[in-house]
Amino acid sequence: MGAHNTGRMSSLTIKQGSNYIRGIAYQEDYDARGTNTIGSSDSTKYLDPLISPSYCAHDIPYLVQLRTNVIRNAIDPMLDHNGLEQYDRYTWDIDALHQYDNVIGFFAGNEVVNHANQSAGDRTSLAVGYATTDHEDYRLSLSDYLNCGDRPSSLDFFGYNIYEFCGDSSFKTSDYEARTEEYRRNYSIPVLFSEYGCNTVKPRKFKDVPVLFGSNMNNVWSGGILYMYFETPNDYGIVSAGDHLSISAQADYSYYSGAIESASPTGINSGSYSPTNSPHACPTVDNIWRVISSHLPPAPNKELCSCMLDALECVVKSNVGPHELGKLFEQVCGNSKGACDGISDNATSGEYGAYSVCSSRDQLSFVFDRYFHAHKAPACDFNGAATIKAANIATGNCKKLIEQGPLPIILPLRPPLPKEPLPVWWTKVQYRVASFSQSRFVLRL
């Protein structure tokens, strides 16, 4: 869809209350709701419908009938999206899609913070947002944290995954009224329902749609994204795709179609839009919110990690799988806590090891090598997971980077950027959302 538009779209402006999203989660064989993998970045058990123009062609008439103006999709970065080169997962995703002018933005994380203790290109119109779970302990602190501080390091929009309006509920009896009052407090960026559509009562008649787009809510919320288009075992889909040669509408499709057809929110005229809201104050650390706001994680520095790895002698074997890394970290860090100082991170104190920005595999190589030399181990083995390689002496810029040392460092208010300037989108993504799930993309049809 966005990849095959022949015309150019006008530049998008992110405004609170001036545009309304009538969206749908357009993701096949992917269960982001109610699973143990919510917020995980290693799940690959989903299909990317955007990879095939013929798939999209079958779905467009159904999406148009639903007045859909936005779709949310998790692309597969391992597949070819018009010459997508394999790189880091997020840079793959953004580099693949930033070229399309119908891409509104990216969900940098979806329900990444599920517990209180977890607390490319130059298109400046791309927005970066976050989708939170509906958890009373930290939802307001999290939304303030992602909205506070200076603009380059805060989000452009905030999404709320909410499934509290079920069956014959209402604005007052559901949590919709309470959530609306919370965000009526001059929140300075657009807020939307990044997922909604309770399915505990079937068929879903979507009585929450006229409420969401009605007078009680449309001056606070910028619409929402229905979960979801394709039917899967989670029983949230409104169509059954089969082999994708034919589409069969479920009973929910007709009910949603009728509900969204009558949605007519009244917003602010774009020409008279004059925002007055300011970012919120950053939340303070307490017994629930454990993230200090003044010291943010360092920006990724691939050169630093490459230099560090090049200087090591004892490293992880190439055949060690991602699922094995956790136990190996426990083995080394449990026997020698000091070996892991250089990769440690503490969001409460704002302390981050010099190599906390590196990949898990590179970090494990670092602790292997540190343990190997510090304890004069008889062999670089670690139950067959490690091997010896030639260690190169760091010179030039690598020497300067390595000299910052493996011990934890306390960062300034804004960590220094790598040698090469970061694009706007990465500054926003990394500085406020330090851990990620699959990227989510919001595309306008």
Protein backbone atom coordinates (compact mmCIF):
# COMPACT_ATOMS: atom_id res chain seq x y z
CA MET A 1 0.00 0.00 0.00
CA GLY A 2 2.36 2.71 1.11
CA ALA A 3 5.09 0.99 -0.86
CA HIS A 4 3.16 1.15 -4.08
CA ASN A 5 1.60 4.60 -4.05
CA THR A 6 2.39 6.49 -7.23
CA GLY A 7 1.50 9.94 -5.91
CA ARG A 8 3.18 12.00 -3.23
CA MET A 9 1.48 12.73 0.06
CA SER A 10 1.61 16.07 1.80
CA SER A 11 3.88 16.45 4.81
CA LEU A 12 2.39 15.12 8.03
CA THR A 13 2.11 17.33 11.09
CA ILE A 14 1.65 15.68 14.49
CA LYS A 15 -1.08 17.66 16.22
CA GLN A 16 -3.17 16.89 19.25
CA GLY A 17 -6.87 16.69 18.51
CA SER A 18 -6.69 17.74 14.84
CA ASN A 19 -6.62 14.34 13.12
CA TYR A 20 -8.35 11.13 14.14
CA ILE A 21 -6.98 7.65 13.60
CA ARG A 22 -9.44 5.04 12.41
CA GLY A 23 -6.83 2.31 12.49
CA ILE A 24 -6.57 -1.44 12.56
CA ALA A 25 -3.78 -3.82 13.54
CA TYR A 26 -2.90 -5.37 10.20
CA GLN A 27 -0.75 -8.28 11.31
CA GLU A 28 -1.07 -11.92 10.37
CA ASP A 29 -0.13 -14.81 12.66
CA TYR A 30 1.10 -12.49 15.40
CA ASP A 31 -0.34 -12.46 18.91
CA ALA A 32 0.73 -9.33 20.76
CA ARG A 33 -2.17 -9.57 23.18
CA GLY A 34 -2.15 -11.76 26.28
CA THR A 35 0.95 -13.84 25.58
CA ASN A 36 4.16 -14.47 27.45
CA THR A 37 6.11 -12.82 24.65
CA ILE A 38 4.63 -9.33 24.99
CA GLY A 39 7.43 -6.85 24.62
CA SER A 40 9.86 -9.47 23.38
CA SER A 41 12.14 -8.72 20.47
CA ASP A 42 13.07 -12.30 19.58
CA SER A 43 9.69 -13.63 18.45
CA THR A 44 9.69 -14.45 14.73
CA LYS A 45 6.41 -16.35 14.58
CA TYR A 46 4.48 -13.86 12.51
CA LEU A 47 3.86 -13.12 8.86
CA ASP A 48 4.39 -9.75 7.25
CA PRO A 49 1.45 -9.09 4.89
CA LEU A 50 3.15 -5.99 3.45
CA ILE A 51 5.78 -8.12 1.76
CA SER A 52 3.33 -9.26 -0.91
CA PRO A 53 1.44 -6.72 -3.04
CA SER A 54 -1.05 -9.42 -3.99
CA TYR A 55 -1.89 -10.00 -0.31
CA CYS A 56 -2.52 -6.30 0.22
CA ALA A 57 -4.64 -6.09 -2.94
CA HIS A 58 -7.11 -8.61 -1.53
CA ASP A 59 -7.42 -6.69 1.72
CA ILE A 60 -7.70 -3.10 0.47
CA PRO A 61 -11.45 -3.23 -0.39
CA TYR A 62 -12.23 -4.55 3.09
CA LEU A 63 -10.05 -1.90 4.77
CA VAL A 64 -11.60 0.86 2.68
CA GLN A 65 -15.11 -0.28 3.60
CA LEU A 66 -14.07 0.10 7.25
CA ARG A 67 -12.98 3.72 6.59
CA THR A 68 -9.47 2.71 7.64
CA ASN A 69 -6.95 5.53 7.40
CA VAL A 70 -4.11 3.91 9.38
CA ILE A 71 -2.74 0.39 9.69
CA ARG A 72 -0.32 -0.87 12.30
CA ASN A 73 2.06 -3.59 11.21
CA ALA A 74 5.13 -5.42 12.50
CA ILE A 75 7.36 -5.92 9.50
CA ASP A 76 9.79 -8.81 9.20
CA PRO A 77 13.25 -7.26 8.80
CA MET A 78 14.62 -10.56 7.51
CA LEU A 79 12.53 -10.29 4.36
CA ASP A 80 13.25 -8.09 1.37
CA HIS A 81 11.41 -4.78 1.53
CA ASN A 82 12.57 -3.21 -1.71
CA GLY A 83 16.25 -4.00 -1.21
CA LEU A 84 16.33 -3.98 2.59
CA GLU A 85 19.86 -4.68 3.79
CA GLN A 86 20.35 -6.68 6.98
CA TYR A 87 21.54 -4.38 9.75
CA ASP A 88 20.42 -3.88 13.32
CA ARG A 89 16.75 -4.67 13.71
CA TYR A 90 15.57 -1.13 14.25
CA THR A 91 17.77 0.48 11.67
CA TRP A 92 16.68 -2.19 9.21
CA ASP A 93 13.06 -1.41 9.88
CA ILE A 94 13.33 2.35 9.73
CA ASP A 95 15.69 2.42 6.77
CA ALA A 96 13.27 0.13 4.95
CA LEU A 97 10.23 2.31 5.49
CA HIS A 98 11.29 5.92 5.97
CA GLN A 99 11.44 6.33 2.18
CA TYR A 100 7.66 5.95 1.88
CA ASP A 101 5.76 9.18 2.41
CA ASN A 102 2.67 7.42 3.76
CA VAL A 103 4.57 6.14 6.81
CA ILE A 104 3.41 8.23 9.75
CA GLY A 105 5.78 6.83 12.34
CA PHE A 106 7.01 4.00 14.51
CA PHE A 107 6.02 2.42 17.77
CA ALA A 108 9.45 2.06 19.37
CA GLY A 109 8.02 -0.35 21.92
CA ASN A 110 4.81 -2.21 22.62
CA GLU A 111 4.21 -3.06 26.29
CA VAL A 112 7.95 -3.27 26.93
CA VAL A 113 7.46 -2.07 30.51
CA ASN A 114 5.21 -4.76 31.95
CA HIS A 115 6.52 -4.64 35.52
CA ALA A 116 7.45 -1.74 37.75
CA ASN A 117 11.10 -2.86 37.99
CA GLN A 118 11.60 -2.87 34.22
CA SER A 119 11.14 0.45 34.46
CA ALA A 120 17.73 6.44 8.56
CA GLY A 121 17.13 9.02 6.44
CA ASP A 122 16.43 12.62 7.33
CA ARG A 123 12.62 12.75 7.29
CA THR A 124 11.85 14.92 10.28
CA SER A 125 8.11 14.32 9.83
CA LEU A 126 8.45 10.72 11.02
CA ALA A 127 6.94 10.34 14.47
CA VAL A 128 8.15 8.04 17.24
CA GLY A 129 5.70 6.73 19.82
CA TYR A 130 5.21 4.09 22.47
CA ALA A 131 2.32 1.74 23.27
CA THR A 132 1.79 1.03 26.96
CA THR A 133 -0.09 -1.67 28.79
CA ASP A 134 -3.02 -0.70 31.03
CA HIS A 135 -1.33 -1.01 34.44
CA GLU A 136 -2.36 1.33 37.22
CA ASP A 137 0.95 1.19 39.11
CA TYR A 138 3.02 3.00 36.52
CA ARG A 139 0.97 4.07 33.51
CA LEU A 140 1.01 7.79 34.43
CA SER A 141 4.66 7.78 35.51
CA LEU A 142 5.61 6.08 32.26
CA SER A 143 3.65 8.49 30.09
CA ASP A 144 5.19 11.45 31.95
CA TYR A 145 8.67 9.98 31.61
CA LEU A 146 8.29 9.61 27.86
CA ASN A 147 6.90 13.14 27.54
CA CYS A 148 9.25 15.05 29.85
CA GLY A 149 12.51 16.83 29.16
CA ASP A 150 13.59 18.40 25.90
CA ARG A 151 11.81 17.66 22.63
CA PRO A 152 14.61 15.72 20.87
CA SER A 153 14.59 13.09 23.62
CA SER A 154 10.83 12.81 24.18
CA LEU A 155 8.15 11.05 22.20
CA ASP A 156 5.85 12.46 19.52
CA PHE A 157 2.75 10.46 20.49
CA PHE A 158 1.68 8.06 23.22
CA GLY A 159 -0.40 4.92 22.69
CA TYR A 160 -2.58 3.13 25.20
CA ASN A 161 -3.48 -0.56 24.87
CA ILE A 162 -6.84 -0.84 26.61
CA TYR A 163 -9.42 -3.63 26.67
CA GLU A 164 -11.73 -2.43 29.43
CA PHE A 165 -14.89 -1.65 27.42
CA CYS A 166 -16.61 -5.01 26.98
CA GLY A 167 -20.08 -5.86 25.75
CA ASP A 168 -22.72 -3.36 26.96
CA SER A 169 -20.31 -1.31 29.06
CA SER A 170 -20.35 2.50 28.88
CA PHE A 171 -18.11 5.54 29.13
CA LYS A 172 -18.68 5.68 32.89
CA THR A 173 -18.73 1.98 33.80
CA SER A 174 -15.62 1.17 31.79
CA ASP A 175 -12.21 2.72 32.45
CA TYR A 176 -12.66 5.06 29.48
CA GLU A 177 -13.88 7.93 31.64
CA ALA A 178 -11.04 7.56 34.17
CA ARG A 179 -8.35 7.36 31.48
CA THR A 180 -9.80 10.34 29.65
CA GLU A 181 -9.70 12.48 32.79
CA GLU A 182 -6.09 11.51 33.37
CA TYR A 183 -5.02 12.68 29.92
CA ARG A 184 -7.21 15.75 29.94
CA ARG A 185 -4.48 17.27 32.11
CA ASN A 186 -2.78 19.19 29.31
CA TYR A 187 -0.72 16.30 27.99
CA SER A 188 1.46 17.93 25.34
CA ILE A 189 1.53 15.21 22.67
CA PRO A 190 -1.28 13.27 20.96
CA VAL A 191 -2.61 10.20 22.79
CA LEU A 192 -4.48 7.38 21.11
CA PHE A 193 -5.73 3.88 21.73
CA SER A 194 -2.90 1.87 20.20
CA GLU A 195 -4.97 -1.29 20.77
CA TYR A 196 -8.61 -1.71 21.72
CA GLY A 197 -11.46 -4.16 21.17
CA CYS A 198 -12.34 -6.36 24.16
CA ASN A 199 -13.47 -9.84 23.03
CA THR A 200 -14.77 -11.37 26.25
CA VAL A 201 -18.32 -10.85 24.94
CA LYS A 202 -18.97 -12.28 21.47
CA PRO A 203 -19.86 -11.19 18.93
CA ARG A 204 -18.17 -7.88 19.49
CA LYS A 205 -20.66 -5.11 18.73
CA PHE A 206 -18.09 -2.32 19.28
CA LYS A 207 -20.26 -0.06 21.36
CA ASP A 208 -17.03 1.62 22.46
CA VAL A 209 -16.40 3.05 18.96
CA PRO A 210 -19.03 5.83 19.13
CA VAL A 211 -17.82 6.58 22.65
CA LEU A 212 -14.15 6.87 21.60
CA PHE A 213 -15.02 9.18 18.72
CA GLY A 214 -17.77 11.01 20.61
CA SER A 215 -17.87 14.30 22.53
CA ASN A 216 -16.70 12.81 25.84
CA MET A 217 -13.39 11.66 24.40
CA ASN A 218 -12.58 13.24 21.03
CA ASN A 219 -11.08 16.36 22.55
CA VAL A 220 -8.51 14.21 24.37
CA TRP A 221 -7.91 11.09 22.28
CA SER A 222 -6.82 11.04 18.64
CA GLY A 223 -8.77 7.91 17.76
CA GLY A 224 -7.55 4.35 17.99
CA ILE A 225 -6.30 1.17 16.34
CA LEU A 226 -8.64 -1.80 16.50
CA TYR A 227 -7.11 -5.14 17.42
CA MET A 228 -7.16 -6.82 14.90
CA TYR A 229 -7.74 -7.52 11.18
CA PHE A 230 -6.71 -11.16 10.62
CA GLU A 231 -8.30 -13.94 12.61
CA THR A 232 -5.80 -15.99 14.65
CA PRO A 233 -6.15 -18.41 17.58
CA ASN A 234 -6.48 -15.41 19.91
CA ASP A 235 -9.98 -14.79 18.47
CA TYR A 236 -9.61 -11.04 17.88
CA GLY A 237 -9.70 -11.04 14.06
CA ILE A 238 -12.54 -9.60 11.99
CA VAL A 239 -11.69 -11.46 8.75
CA SER A 240 -10.46 -14.94 7.93
CA ALA A 241 -7.80 -14.90 5.21
CA GLY A 242 -7.21 -18.61 4.61
CA ASP A 243 -4.62 -18.92 1.84
CA HIS A 244 -5.03 -15.20 1.09
CA LEU A 245 -6.75 -15.95 -2.21
CA SER A 246 -10.10 -15.25 -0.60
CA ILE A 247 -11.21 -13.14 2.35
CA SER A 248 -14.12 -14.13 4.55
CA ALA A 249 -15.62 -11.46 6.81
CA GLN A 250 -16.39 -12.57 10.37
CA ALA A 251 -19.50 -11.46 12.27
CA ASP A 252 -17.35 -8.86 14.06
CA TYR A 253 -16.55 -7.24 10.71
CA SER A 254 -20.15 -6.17 10.10
CA TYR A 255 -20.59 -4.80 13.61
CA TYR A 256 -17.33 -2.83 13.43
CA SER A 257 -18.18 -1.56 9.95
CA GLY A 258 -21.47 -0.14 11.20
CA ALA A 259 -19.90 1.38 14.30
CA ILE A 260 -16.99 3.07 12.53
CA GLU A 261 -19.24 4.31 9.71
CA SER A 262 -21.16 6.46 12.16
CA ALA A 263 -18.03 7.81 13.90
CA SER A 264 -17.87 11.56 13.33
CA PRO A 265 -15.50 13.25 15.79
CA THR A 266 -15.24 17.02 15.88
CA GLY A 267 -11.67 18.22 16.17
CA ILE A 268 -9.64 21.38 15.77
CA ASN A 269 -9.34 23.01 12.37
CA SER A 270 -5.75 22.65 11.22
CA GLY A 271 -5.52 26.31 10.25
CA SER A 272 -6.53 27.51 13.69
CA TYR A 273 -4.43 25.00 15.65
CA SER A 274 -2.31 26.78 18.27
CA PRO A 275 -0.88 24.39 20.89
CA THR A 276 -0.21 25.71 24.38
CA ASN A 277 0.68 22.54 26.29
CA SER A 278 4.18 21.96 27.61
CA PRO A 279 6.00 18.69 28.42
CA HIS A 280 5.25 17.30 31.85
CA ALA A 281 7.65 17.27 34.77
CA CYS A 282 9.71 14.09 34.88
CA PRO A 283 8.56 11.53 37.46
CA THR A 284 10.67 11.04 40.57
CA VAL A 285 12.03 7.71 41.72
CA ASP A 286 9.88 6.00 44.35
CA ASN A 287 9.11 2.47 45.52
CA ILE A 288 7.28 1.74 42.25
CA TRP A 289 8.83 3.97 39.58
CA ARG A 290 12.52 3.01 39.56
CA VAL A 291 13.89 5.04 36.65
CA ILE A 292 15.81 8.27 37.16
CA SER A 293 14.96 10.79 34.46
CA SER A 294 18.09 12.96 34.51
CA HIS A 295 20.53 10.26 33.40
CA LEU A 296 19.45 8.53 30.22
CA PRO A 297 21.01 5.45 28.63
CA PRO A 298 23.93 6.11 26.26
CA ALA A 299 23.30 6.21 22.55
CA PRO A 300 24.35 3.09 20.60
CA ASN A 301 27.93 3.19 19.36
CA LYS A 302 28.72 0.40 16.92
CA GLU A 303 32.31 1.61 16.59
CA LEU A 304 32.89 1.25 20.34
CA CYS A 305 31.49 -2.29 20.38
CA SER A 306 33.48 -3.29 17.31
CA CYS A 307 36.70 -1.92 18.81
CA MET A 308 36.04 -3.71 22.10
CA LEU A 309 35.37 -7.03 20.38
CA ASP A 310 38.45 -6.69 18.20
CA ALA A 311 40.65 -6.30 21.30
CA LEU A 312 39.37 -9.47 23.00
CA GLU A 313 41.06 -12.85 23.04
CA CYS A 314 38.40 -15.13 24.54
CA VAL A 315 35.07 -14.75 22.74
CA VAL A 316 31.72 -16.48 22.25
CA LYS A 317 31.67 -19.19 19.60
CA SER A 318 29.63 -18.39 16.52
CA ASN A 319 27.43 -21.47 16.96
CA VAL A 320 26.13 -20.41 20.39
CA GLY A 321 22.43 -19.63 19.98
CA PRO A 322 20.55 -16.63 21.47
CA HIS A 323 18.65 -18.89 23.87
CA GLU A 324 21.94 -20.03 25.45
CA LEU A 325 23.24 -16.57 26.32
CA GLY A 326 21.23 -16.09 29.51
CA LYS A 327 22.62 -19.17 31.27
CA LEU A 328 26.15 -18.29 30.22
CA PHE A 329 25.79 -14.79 31.68
CA GLU A 330 24.54 -16.35 34.93
CA GLN A 331 27.50 -18.70 34.97
CA VAL A 332 30.14 -15.99 34.56
CA CYS A 333 28.51 -13.12 36.48
CA GLY A 334 27.47 -15.45 39.29
CA ASN A 335 31.05 -16.63 39.81
CA SER A 336 32.66 -13.24 39.32
CA LYS A 337 30.43 -10.20 39.70
CA GLY A 338 33.24 -7.84 38.75
CA ALA A 339 33.53 -9.45 35.34
CA CYS A 340 30.17 -7.97 34.39
CA ASP A 341 30.70 -4.41 35.64
CA GLY A 342 31.44 -3.11 32.15
CA ILE A 343 28.08 -4.25 30.78
CA SER A 344 25.90 -3.44 33.78
CA ASP A 345 23.12 -0.88 33.76
CA ASN A 346 21.13 0.64 36.58
CA ALA A 347 18.26 2.88 35.53
CA THR A 348 17.57 3.94 39.13
CA SER A 349 21.03 5.36 39.79
CA GLY A 350 21.72 6.32 36.18
CA GLU A 351 24.86 4.19 36.01
CA TYR A 352 25.64 2.42 32.76
CA GLY A 353 28.66 0.31 31.90
CA ALA A 354 30.76 1.43 28.95
CA TYR A 355 29.59 -1.59 26.93
CA SER A 356 25.96 -1.67 28.07
CA VAL A 357 25.09 -0.36 24.59
CA CYS A 358 26.54 -3.42 22.84
CA SER A 359 24.69 -6.54 21.72
CA SER A 360 24.21 -9.41 24.16
CA ARG A 361 26.65 -11.57 22.20
CA ASP A 362 29.34 -8.86 22.26
CA GLN A 363 28.73 -8.31 25.97
CA LEU A 364 29.12 -12.01 26.69
CA SER A 365 32.43 -12.05 24.80
CA PHE A 366 33.57 -9.13 26.95
CA VAL A 367 32.78 -10.91 30.23
CA PHE A 368 34.27 -14.19 28.95
CA ASP A 369 37.54 -12.41 28.18
CA ARG A 370 37.54 -10.43 31.42
CA TYR A 371 36.96 -13.56 33.50
CA PHE A 372 39.50 -15.55 31.48
CA HIS A 373 42.31 -13.07 32.15
CA ALA A 374 41.34 -11.98 35.67
CA HIS A 375 41.15 -15.55 37.01
CA LYS A 376 43.96 -16.96 34.87
CA ALA A 377 41.60 -19.65 33.70
CA PRO A 378 43.34 -22.72 32.30
CA ALA A 379 41.34 -22.53 29.08
CA CYS A 380 38.92 -20.28 27.25
CA ASP A 381 36.11 -22.81 27.21
CA PHE A 382 33.04 -22.10 29.35
CA ASN A 383 31.52 -25.51 28.68
CA GLY A 384 32.39 -25.34 25.01
CA ALA A 385 30.78 -21.92 24.41
CA ALA A 386 34.01 -19.91 24.01
CA THR A 387 37.04 -19.91 21.74
CA ILE A 388 40.40 -18.15 21.41
CA LYS A 389 41.05 -15.60 18.69
CA ALA A 390 43.86 -13.19 17.94
CA ALA A 391 43.50 -9.99 19.98
CA ASN A 392 44.41 -6.78 18.20
CA ILE A 393 45.98 -3.85 19.99
CA ALA A 394 43.65 -0.87 19.87
CA THR A 395 45.03 2.16 18.05
CA GLY A 396 43.72 5.54 16.90
CA ASN A 397 40.09 6.23 17.67
CA CYS A 398 39.58 2.67 18.92
CA LYS A 399 42.23 3.28 21.57
CA LYS A 400 40.45 6.43 22.71
CA LEU A 401 37.12 4.62 22.92
CA ILE A 402 38.52 1.62 24.80
CA GLU A 403 40.29 3.86 27.30
CA GLN A 404 36.97 4.89 28.80
CA GLY A 405 37.31 1.61 30.68
CA PRO A 406 35.02 -1.32 31.53
CA LEU A 407 33.85 0.03 34.88
CA PRO A 408 30.39 1.63 35.26
CA ILE A 409 30.26 5.26 34.32
CA ILE A 410 27.81 7.92 35.44
CA LEU A 411 26.64 9.77 32.40
CA PRO A 412 26.05 13.50 32.08
CA LEU A 413 22.50 14.75 31.60
CA ARG A 414 22.81 13.99 27.90
CA PRO A 415 25.33 11.27 26.98
CA PRO A 416 27.82 12.20 24.25
CA LEU A 417 26.80 10.97 20.82
CA PRO A 418 28.94 8.71 18.64
CA LYS A 419 31.35 10.27 16.17
CA GLU A 420 28.80 10.16 13.36
CA PRO A 421 25.66 12.27 14.01
CA LEU A 422 22.49 10.35 14.76
CA PRO A 423 19.33 10.98 12.75
CA VAL A 424 16.41 12.58 14.54
CA TRP A 425 14.42 9.36 14.80
CA TRP A 426 17.20 7.50 16.64
CA THR A 427 17.68 10.25 19.21
CA LYS A 428 14.00 10.01 20.10
CA VAL A 429 13.93 6.21 20.12
CA GLN A 430 17.05 5.48 22.14
CA TYR A 431 16.95 8.26 24.71
CA ARG A 432 13.53 7.47 26.09
CA VAL A 433 12.86 3.82 25.27
CA ALA A 434 15.95 1.93 26.30
CA SER A 435 14.60 -1.56 25.60
CA PHE A 436 12.41 -2.54 22.73
CA SER A 437 9.99 -5.03 21.28
CA GLN A 438 9.18 -5.52 17.62
CA SER A 439 8.91 -2.23 15.80
CA ARG A 440 5.36 -1.22 15.04
CA PHE A 441 4.63 0.91 12.05
CA VAL A 442 1.70 3.21 11.56
CA LEU A 443 0.91 3.66 7.88
CA ARG A 444 -1.80 5.76 6.34
CA LEU A 445 -3.73 4.29 3.42
